Protein backbone atom coordinates (compact mmCIF):
# COMPACT_ATOMS: atom_id res chain seq x y z
CA MET A 1 -4.20 9.90 -8.29
CA ALA A 2 -6.46 6.93 -10.26
CA TYR A 3 -3.17 4.60 -9.29
CA PHE A 4 -3.52 5.67 -5.78
CA ALA A 5 -6.90 5.69 -5.26
CA ALA A 6 -6.97 2.02 -6.57
CA LYS A 7 -3.69 1.00 -4.34
CA ILE A 8 -5.22 2.47 -1.35
CA ALA A 9 -8.68 0.85 -2.25
CA MET A 10 -7.00 -2.46 -2.41
CA SER A 11 -5.14 -2.13 0.56
CA MET A 12 -8.42 -1.52 2.72
CA THR A 13 -10.11 -4.07 0.98
CA PHE A 14 -7.77 -6.71 2.31
CA SER A 15 -7.76 -4.65 5.58
CA THR A 16 -11.64 -5.31 5.70
CA LEU A 17 -11.16 -8.99 5.49
CA VAL A 18 -8.51 -9.28 8.02
CA ILE A 19 -10.55 -7.33 10.38
CA LEU A 20 -13.55 -9.74 9.68
CA SER A 21 -11.69 -12.91 10.19
CA LEU A 22 -10.48 -11.43 13.15
CA PHE A 23 -14.02 -10.48 14.34
CA ALA A 24 -14.93 -14.03 12.95
CA LEU A 25 -12.14 -15.60 15.58
CA GLY A 26 -13.27 -13.85 18.30
CA PHE A 27 -17.01 -14.36 18.00
CA ALA A 28 -16.44 -18.07 17.01
CA PHE A 29 -13.24 -19.21 19.80
CA GLY A 30 -12.44 -15.99 21.34
CA GLY A 31 -15.87 -15.39 23.88
CA VAL A 32 -16.47 -12.06 22.50
CA HIS A 33 -19.92 -10.70 22.76
CA LEU A 34 -20.49 -7.22 20.87
CA ALA A 35 -24.01 -6.00 20.26
CA PHE A 36 -24.27 -5.89 16.43
CA PHE A 37 -23.93 -1.66 15.82
CA GLU A 38 -21.52 -1.70 18.24
CA ALA A 39 -19.78 -4.43 15.88
CA LEU A 40 -20.56 -2.70 13.13
CA ARG A 41 -19.21 0.69 14.60
CA LEU A 42 -16.08 -1.41 15.89
CA LEU A 43 -15.27 -2.69 12.17
CA ALA A 44 -16.36 0.79 10.63
CA THR A 45 -13.81 2.23 12.28
CA LEU A 46 -11.05 -0.21 12.25
CA VAL A 47 -11.34 0.20 8.26
CA VAL A 48 -10.91 3.64 8.23
CA GLY A 49 -8.32 3.99 10.84
CA SER A 50 -6.53 1.09 8.47
CA LEU A 51 -6.20 4.07 5.90
CA PRO A 52 -2.64 5.56 7.39
CA PHE A 53 -1.22 2.83 7.29
CA CYS A 54 -2.09 1.62 4.20
CA ALA A 55 -1.17 5.27 2.96
CA MET A 56 2.48 4.12 4.98
CA GLY A 57 2.75 0.87 3.22
CA LEU A 58 2.08 2.60 -0.15
CA ALA A 59 4.69 5.35 0.86
CA MET A 60 7.35 2.82 1.75
CA GLY A 61 6.63 0.85 -1.35
CA TYR A 62 7.77 3.40 -3.55
CA PHE A 63 11.06 4.32 -1.96
CA CYS A 64 11.99 0.48 -0.90
CA GLY A 65 11.09 -1.39 -3.60
CA PRO A 66 8.99 -4.49 -4.02
CA ASN A 67 11.50 -6.84 -2.88
CA SER A 68 12.09 -5.49 0.67
CA ALA A 69 9.27 -3.46 1.35
CA THR A 70 7.81 -5.79 3.20
CA SER A 71 11.01 -6.17 5.38
CA ILE A 72 11.18 -2.49 5.93
CA ILE A 73 7.69 -2.11 6.45
CA ASN A 74 7.96 -4.18 9.95
CA LEU A 75 11.10 -2.62 10.70
CA PHE A 76 8.70 0.41 10.91
CA TYR A 77 5.62 -0.87 12.31
CA ILE A 78 6.57 -3.24 14.96
CA PRO A 79 8.38 -0.69 16.94
CA LEU A 80 5.49 1.68 16.48
CA SER A 81 3.22 -1.01 17.54
CA PHE A 82 4.96 -1.83 20.52
CA CYS A 83 5.87 1.86 21.33
CA SER A 84 2.24 2.50 21.12
CA GLY A 85 1.11 -0.06 23.69
CA LEU A 86 -0.48 -2.22 21.58
CA TRP A 87 1.56 -5.23 23.09
CA VAL A 88 2.44 -4.21 26.34
CA PRO A 89 0.16 -1.55 28.52
CA LEU A 90 1.33 1.53 28.28
CA MET A 91 2.00 1.92 32.22
CA PHE A 92 4.72 -1.10 32.06
CA LEU A 93 6.49 0.62 29.65
CA PRO A 94 9.09 3.17 30.48
CA LYS A 95 7.93 7.09 30.80
CA LEU A 96 9.77 8.23 27.66
CA LEU A 97 8.00 5.45 25.60
CA GLN A 98 4.56 6.09 27.48
CA ARG A 99 5.07 9.94 26.42
CA LEU A 100 5.96 8.78 22.76
CA ALA A 101 2.85 6.95 22.68
CA HIS A 102 0.82 9.76 22.28
CA LEU A 103 2.48 11.00 18.93
CA LEU A 104 2.20 7.17 17.28
CA PRO A 105 -0.77 6.77 15.08
CA PRO A 106 -1.34 2.80 16.09
CA TYR A 107 -2.23 4.35 19.46
CA HIS A 108 -4.58 6.61 18.45
CA LEU A 109 -6.58 3.99 16.59
CA ALA A 110 -6.01 1.62 19.44
CA GLN A 111 -7.93 4.21 21.59
CA LEU A 112 -10.55 4.82 19.19
CA ALA A 113 -11.46 1.06 19.11
CA LEU A 114 -10.94 0.51 22.71
CA GLY A 115 -13.60 3.42 23.04
CA ILE A 116 -15.85 1.57 21.24
CA VAL A 117 -15.74 -1.53 23.69
CA GLY A 118 -15.59 0.39 26.84
CA ALA A 119 -11.89 0.34 27.76
CA GLY A 120 -10.32 3.53 26.05
CA GLN A 121 -8.57 6.09 28.04
CA HIS A 122 -11.62 8.85 27.71
CA GLU A 123 -9.37 11.15 25.77
CA SER A 124 -11.26 12.93 22.92
CA ASN A 125 -12.08 11.18 19.44
CA TRP A 126 -11.12 14.22 17.57
CA VAL A 127 -7.47 14.42 19.00
CA HIS A 128 -7.46 10.97 17.48
CA TRP A 129 -8.70 11.18 14.31
CA GLU A 130 -6.59 14.31 13.87
CA VAL A 131 -3.70 12.70 14.29
CA LEU A 132 -4.79 9.54 11.95
CA ILE A 133 -5.52 12.48 9.07
CA GLY A 134 -2.27 14.28 9.47
CA PHE A 135 -0.45 11.05 9.05
CA THR A 136 -2.43 9.84 6.47
CA LEU A 137 -1.54 13.09 4.47
CA ILE A 138 2.07 12.75 5.44
CA ALA A 139 2.12 9.50 4.11
CA LEU A 140 0.21 10.03 0.96
CA GLY A 141 2.47 13.34 0.37
CA ILE A 142 5.75 10.90 0.73
CA ALA A 143 4.28 8.00 -1.91
CA ARG A 144 3.44 10.91 -4.28
CA ILE A 145 6.77 12.34 -4.30
CA GLY A 146 7.90 8.60 -4.73
CA ALA A 147 5.65 7.84 -7.43
CA GLN A 148 6.63 11.43 -9.35
CA ARG A 149 10.33 10.12 -8.92
CA ASP A 150 9.67 6.61 -10.47
CA GLU A 151 7.77 8.06 -13.27
CA GLY A 152 10.67 10.35 -13.92
CA LYS A 153 12.65 7.36 -14.29
CA MET A 154 10.06 5.59 -16.69
CA TYR A 155 9.33 8.39 -19.02
CA GLY A 156 12.42 10.59 -18.85
């Protein structure tokens, strides 16, 4: 369990650095104006919200191997992002994808973040957090299965 926690902590640390870099670019060059506490709340939401995706990466890493994990993760994450409305507003996607988006974790994290800046769909934050927590638990469960499988190979 300590190994999992260390991997997740490192992933979330990297996520924090990426988010802070994007904040700096947005404030410096993008004309972004947020109150300090609003920016802090957004940062916290995005960092905590990165946990499901860190867990997904950990799970895929166990099953894909280190050489192919990045490519395979992109095969999953890019369509997940597109179908969640991150690249194209949901209203421009086909009806099927609009309905599918509500089942996908990136949609829920985006809605939490957009809600902080006043641009969300005004849905319950609890529903968004529940989906993200559920996805995290599933991904961690899959990662644990992969870790046990690998442990059996090393010491079996």
